[in-house]
Amino acid sequence: MGATTIQLDKSLVSSLKKAREYPRQTYNELIKNMVQVFRVIKKRNQYDEFLHKIQQAKMKELWDNKEDGAWENA
């Protein structure tokens, strides 16, 4: 496995230190875990957006109807 050097702002390094699960956790381990969590959240968010789009048409059908509109003038 090869290694590389990346430049990070000191404030980001400080945030990474605070985010460690244990004191000797490497930045490599920490960032790897963060990427995995990000992927799961992103996938879940895409699923939620998909469900929302599917539900929009049905909700419009249920709420935008003449029967409900008649009650507004009662």
N, C-alpha and C. Protein backbone atom coordinates (compact mmCIF):
# COMPACT_ATOMS: atom_id res chain seq x y z
N MET A 1 0.85 -1.18 0.00
CA MET A 1 0.00 0.00 0.00
C MET A 1 0.89 1.24 0.00
N GLY A 2 0.62 2.15 -0.89
CA GLY A 2 1.37 3.38 -0.96
C GLY A 2 0.77 4.43 -0.06
N ALA A 3 1.55 5.41 0.24
CA ALA A 3 1.09 6.51 1.09
C ALA A 3 1.33 7.82 0.35
N THR A 4 0.57 8.82 0.71
CA THR A 4 0.71 10.14 0.11
C THR A 4 0.63 11.19 1.21
N THR A 5 1.04 12.38 0.88
CA THR A 5 0.96 13.49 1.82
C THR A 5 -0.08 14.47 1.28
N ILE A 6 -0.98 14.89 2.16
CA ILE A 6 -1.97 15.89 1.77
C ILE A 6 -1.86 17.07 2.72
N GLN A 7 -2.20 18.23 2.22
CA GLN A 7 -2.17 19.43 3.07
C GLN A 7 -3.57 19.70 3.59
N LEU A 8 -3.65 19.91 4.90
CA LEU A 8 -4.93 20.21 5.55
C LEU A 8 -4.78 21.48 6.37
N ASP A 9 -5.85 22.25 6.46
CA ASP A 9 -5.85 23.41 7.35
C ASP A 9 -5.66 22.94 8.79
N LYS A 10 -5.01 23.75 9.58
CA LYS A 10 -4.78 23.37 10.98
C LYS A 10 -6.10 23.20 11.73
N SER A 11 -7.10 23.98 11.36
CA SER A 11 -8.40 23.85 12.03
C SER A 11 -9.04 22.49 11.72
N LEU A 12 -8.82 21.98 10.49
CA LEU A 12 -9.34 20.66 10.13
C LEU A 12 -8.61 19.57 10.90
N VAL A 13 -7.31 19.70 11.03
CA VAL A 13 -6.53 18.72 11.80
C VAL A 13 -7.02 18.71 13.25
N SER A 14 -7.31 19.88 13.78
CA SER A 14 -7.83 19.97 15.14
C SER A 14 -9.18 19.26 15.25
N SER A 15 -10.04 19.45 14.26
CA SER A 15 -11.34 18.78 14.25
C SER A 15 -11.18 17.28 14.14
N LEU A 16 -10.24 16.82 13.33
CA LEU A 16 -9.99 15.39 13.20
C LEU A 16 -9.52 14.80 14.53
N LYS A 17 -8.65 15.51 15.23
CA LYS A 17 -8.17 15.03 16.53
C LYS A 17 -9.34 14.85 17.50
N LYS A 18 -10.29 15.79 17.48
CA LYS A 18 -11.45 15.72 18.38
C LYS A 18 -12.41 14.61 17.98
N ALA A 19 -12.40 14.23 16.71
CA ALA A 19 -13.33 13.22 16.20
C ALA A 19 -12.83 11.79 16.40
N ARG A 20 -11.61 11.62 16.84
CA ARG A 20 -11.06 10.27 17.02
C ARG A 20 -11.90 9.46 17.98
N GLU A 21 -12.01 8.15 17.69
CA GLU A 21 -12.74 7.25 18.56
C GLU A 21 -11.88 6.80 19.74
N TYR A 22 -10.57 6.80 19.54
CA TYR A 22 -9.63 6.48 20.61
C TYR A 22 -8.34 7.26 20.32
N PRO A 23 -7.55 7.55 21.35
CA PRO A 23 -6.40 8.45 21.20
C PRO A 23 -5.37 8.07 20.13
N ARG A 24 -5.12 6.79 19.92
CA ARG A 24 -4.08 6.39 18.97
C ARG A 24 -4.63 6.06 17.58
N GLN A 25 -5.88 6.39 17.35
CA GLN A 25 -6.47 6.15 16.04
C GLN A 25 -5.77 7.02 15.00
N THR A 26 -5.38 6.41 13.89
CA THR A 26 -4.68 7.17 12.85
C THR A 26 -5.68 7.99 12.05
N TYR A 27 -5.18 9.04 11.41
CA TYR A 27 -6.04 9.84 10.54
C TYR A 27 -6.55 8.98 9.38
N ASN A 28 -5.74 8.07 8.91
CA ASN A 28 -6.15 7.18 7.83
C ASN A 28 -7.37 6.36 8.24
N GLU A 29 -7.35 5.77 9.43
CA GLU A 29 -8.49 5.00 9.94
C GLU A 29 -9.72 5.89 10.11
N LEU A 30 -9.48 7.05 10.68
CA LEU A 30 -10.58 7.98 10.95
C LEU A 30 -11.25 8.43 9.65
N ILE A 31 -10.47 8.83 8.68
CA ILE A 31 -11.02 9.30 7.41
C ILE A 31 -11.71 8.16 6.67
N LYS A 32 -11.14 6.96 6.74
CA LYS A 32 -11.76 5.79 6.12
C LYS A 32 -13.15 5.55 6.71
N ASN A 33 -13.27 5.63 8.04
CA ASN A 33 -14.56 5.46 8.70
C ASN A 33 -15.53 6.58 8.31
N MET A 34 -15.04 7.79 8.23
CA MET A 34 -15.88 8.93 7.85
C MET A 34 -16.43 8.76 6.43
N VAL A 35 -15.60 8.26 5.53
CA VAL A 35 -16.03 8.04 4.15
C VAL A 35 -17.13 6.97 4.11
N GLN A 36 -16.97 5.91 4.89
CA GLN A 36 -17.98 4.86 4.93
C GLN A 36 -19.32 5.40 5.45
N VAL A 37 -19.27 6.19 6.50
CA VAL A 37 -20.49 6.79 7.06
C VAL A 37 -21.12 7.74 6.04
N PHE A 38 -20.31 8.53 5.37
CA PHE A 38 -20.80 9.46 4.35
C PHE A 38 -21.53 8.71 3.24
N ARG A 39 -20.95 7.60 2.78
CA ARG A 39 -21.58 6.82 1.71
C ARG A 39 -22.93 6.26 2.13
N VAL A 40 -23.02 5.76 3.36
CA VAL A 40 -24.29 5.21 3.87
C VAL A 40 -25.34 6.31 3.95
N ILE A 41 -24.96 7.45 4.48
CA ILE A 41 -25.91 8.56 4.61
C ILE A 41 -26.35 9.05 3.24
N LYS A 42 -25.42 9.14 2.33
CA LYS A 42 -25.74 9.61 0.97
C LYS A 42 -26.71 8.64 0.30
N LYS A 43 -26.47 7.35 0.45
CA LYS A 43 -27.34 6.32 -0.14
C LYS A 43 -28.73 6.40 0.48
N ARG A 44 -28.80 6.55 1.80
CA ARG A 44 -30.08 6.65 2.50
C ARG A 44 -30.83 7.90 2.05
N ASN A 45 -30.11 9.01 1.88
CA ASN A 45 -30.73 10.26 1.45
C ASN A 45 -31.31 10.11 0.04
N GLN A 46 -30.60 9.41 -0.84
CA GLN A 46 -31.11 9.19 -2.19
C GLN A 46 -32.39 8.36 -2.14
N TYR A 47 -32.43 7.39 -1.26
CA TYR A 47 -33.63 6.56 -1.10
C TYR A 47 -34.79 7.40 -0.59
N ASP A 48 -34.53 8.26 0.40
CA ASP A 48 -35.57 9.14 0.95
C ASP A 48 -36.11 10.08 -0.12
N GLU A 49 -35.22 10.64 -0.95
CA GLU A 49 -35.64 11.52 -2.03
C GLU A 49 -36.50 10.76 -3.04
N PHE A 50 -36.12 9.52 -3.33
CA PHE A 50 -36.88 8.68 -4.25
C PHE A 50 -38.30 8.47 -3.72
N LEU A 51 -38.42 8.11 -2.44
CA LEU A 51 -39.74 7.91 -1.84
C LEU A 51 -40.56 9.18 -1.86
N HIS A 52 -39.93 10.29 -1.57
CA HIS A 52 -40.62 11.58 -1.55
C HIS A 52 -41.20 11.90 -2.92
N LYS A 53 -40.42 11.67 -3.98
CA LYS A 53 -40.89 11.95 -5.33
C LYS A 53 -42.07 11.06 -5.70
N ILE A 54 -42.01 9.80 -5.29
CA ILE A 54 -43.10 8.87 -5.57
C ILE A 54 -44.37 9.31 -4.84
N GLN A 55 -44.22 9.76 -3.62
CA GLN A 55 -45.36 10.13 -2.79
C GLN A 55 -45.99 11.45 -3.21
N GLN A 56 -45.23 12.32 -3.87
CA GLN A 56 -45.75 13.64 -4.25
C GLN A 56 -47.01 13.53 -5.11
N ALA A 57 -47.00 12.66 -6.10
CA ALA A 57 -48.15 12.54 -7.00
C ALA A 57 -49.39 12.08 -6.23
N LYS A 58 -49.24 11.10 -5.36
CA LYS A 58 -50.38 10.60 -4.58
C LYS A 58 -50.89 11.66 -3.62
N MET A 59 -50.00 12.39 -2.99
CA MET A 59 -50.41 13.44 -2.07
C MET A 59 -51.16 14.54 -2.81
N LYS A 60 -50.69 14.89 -3.99
CA LYS A 60 -51.39 15.89 -4.79
C LYS A 60 -52.79 15.40 -5.13
N GLU A 61 -52.91 14.14 -5.48
CA GLU A 61 -54.20 13.54 -5.80
C GLU A 61 -55.13 13.59 -4.59
N LEU A 62 -54.61 13.29 -3.42
CA LEU A 62 -55.43 13.25 -2.21
C LEU A 62 -55.84 14.63 -1.73
N TRP A 63 -54.96 15.60 -1.85
CA TRP A 63 -55.22 16.92 -1.28
C TRP A 63 -55.83 17.91 -2.27
N ASP A 64 -55.53 17.77 -3.55
CA ASP A 64 -56.06 18.69 -4.55
C ASP A 64 -57.27 18.08 -5.23
N ASN A 65 -58.38 18.03 -4.51
CA ASN A 65 -59.60 17.48 -5.11
C ASN A 65 -60.78 18.40 -4.82
N LYS A 66 -61.82 18.28 -5.61
CA LYS A 66 -62.99 19.17 -5.51
C LYS A 66 -63.74 18.99 -4.20
N GLU A 67 -63.77 17.76 -3.69
CA GLU A 67 -64.50 17.49 -2.45
C GLU A 67 -63.92 18.30 -1.28
N ASP A 68 -62.61 18.34 -1.19
CA ASP A 68 -61.98 19.11 -0.12
C ASP A 68 -62.17 20.60 -0.34
N GLY A 69 -62.13 21.01 -1.59
CA GLY A 69 -62.32 22.43 -1.91
C GLY A 69 -63.70 22.91 -1.53
N ALA A 70 -64.70 22.05 -1.61
CA ALA A 70 -66.07 22.43 -1.25
C ALA A 70 -66.18 22.78 0.22
N TRP A 71 -65.39 22.15 1.07
CA TRP A 71 -65.43 22.43 2.52
C TRP A 71 -64.90 23.80 2.86
N GLU A 72 -64.04 24.34 2.00
CA GLU A 72 -63.49 25.68 2.27
C GLU A 72 -64.57 26.75 2.23
N ASN A 73 -65.62 26.53 1.45
CA ASN A 73 -66.71 27.52 1.29
C ASN A 73 -67.93 27.19 2.14
N ALA A 74 -67.84 26.18 2.97
CA ALA A 74 -69.00 25.78 3.78
C ALA A 74 -69.22 26.71 4.95
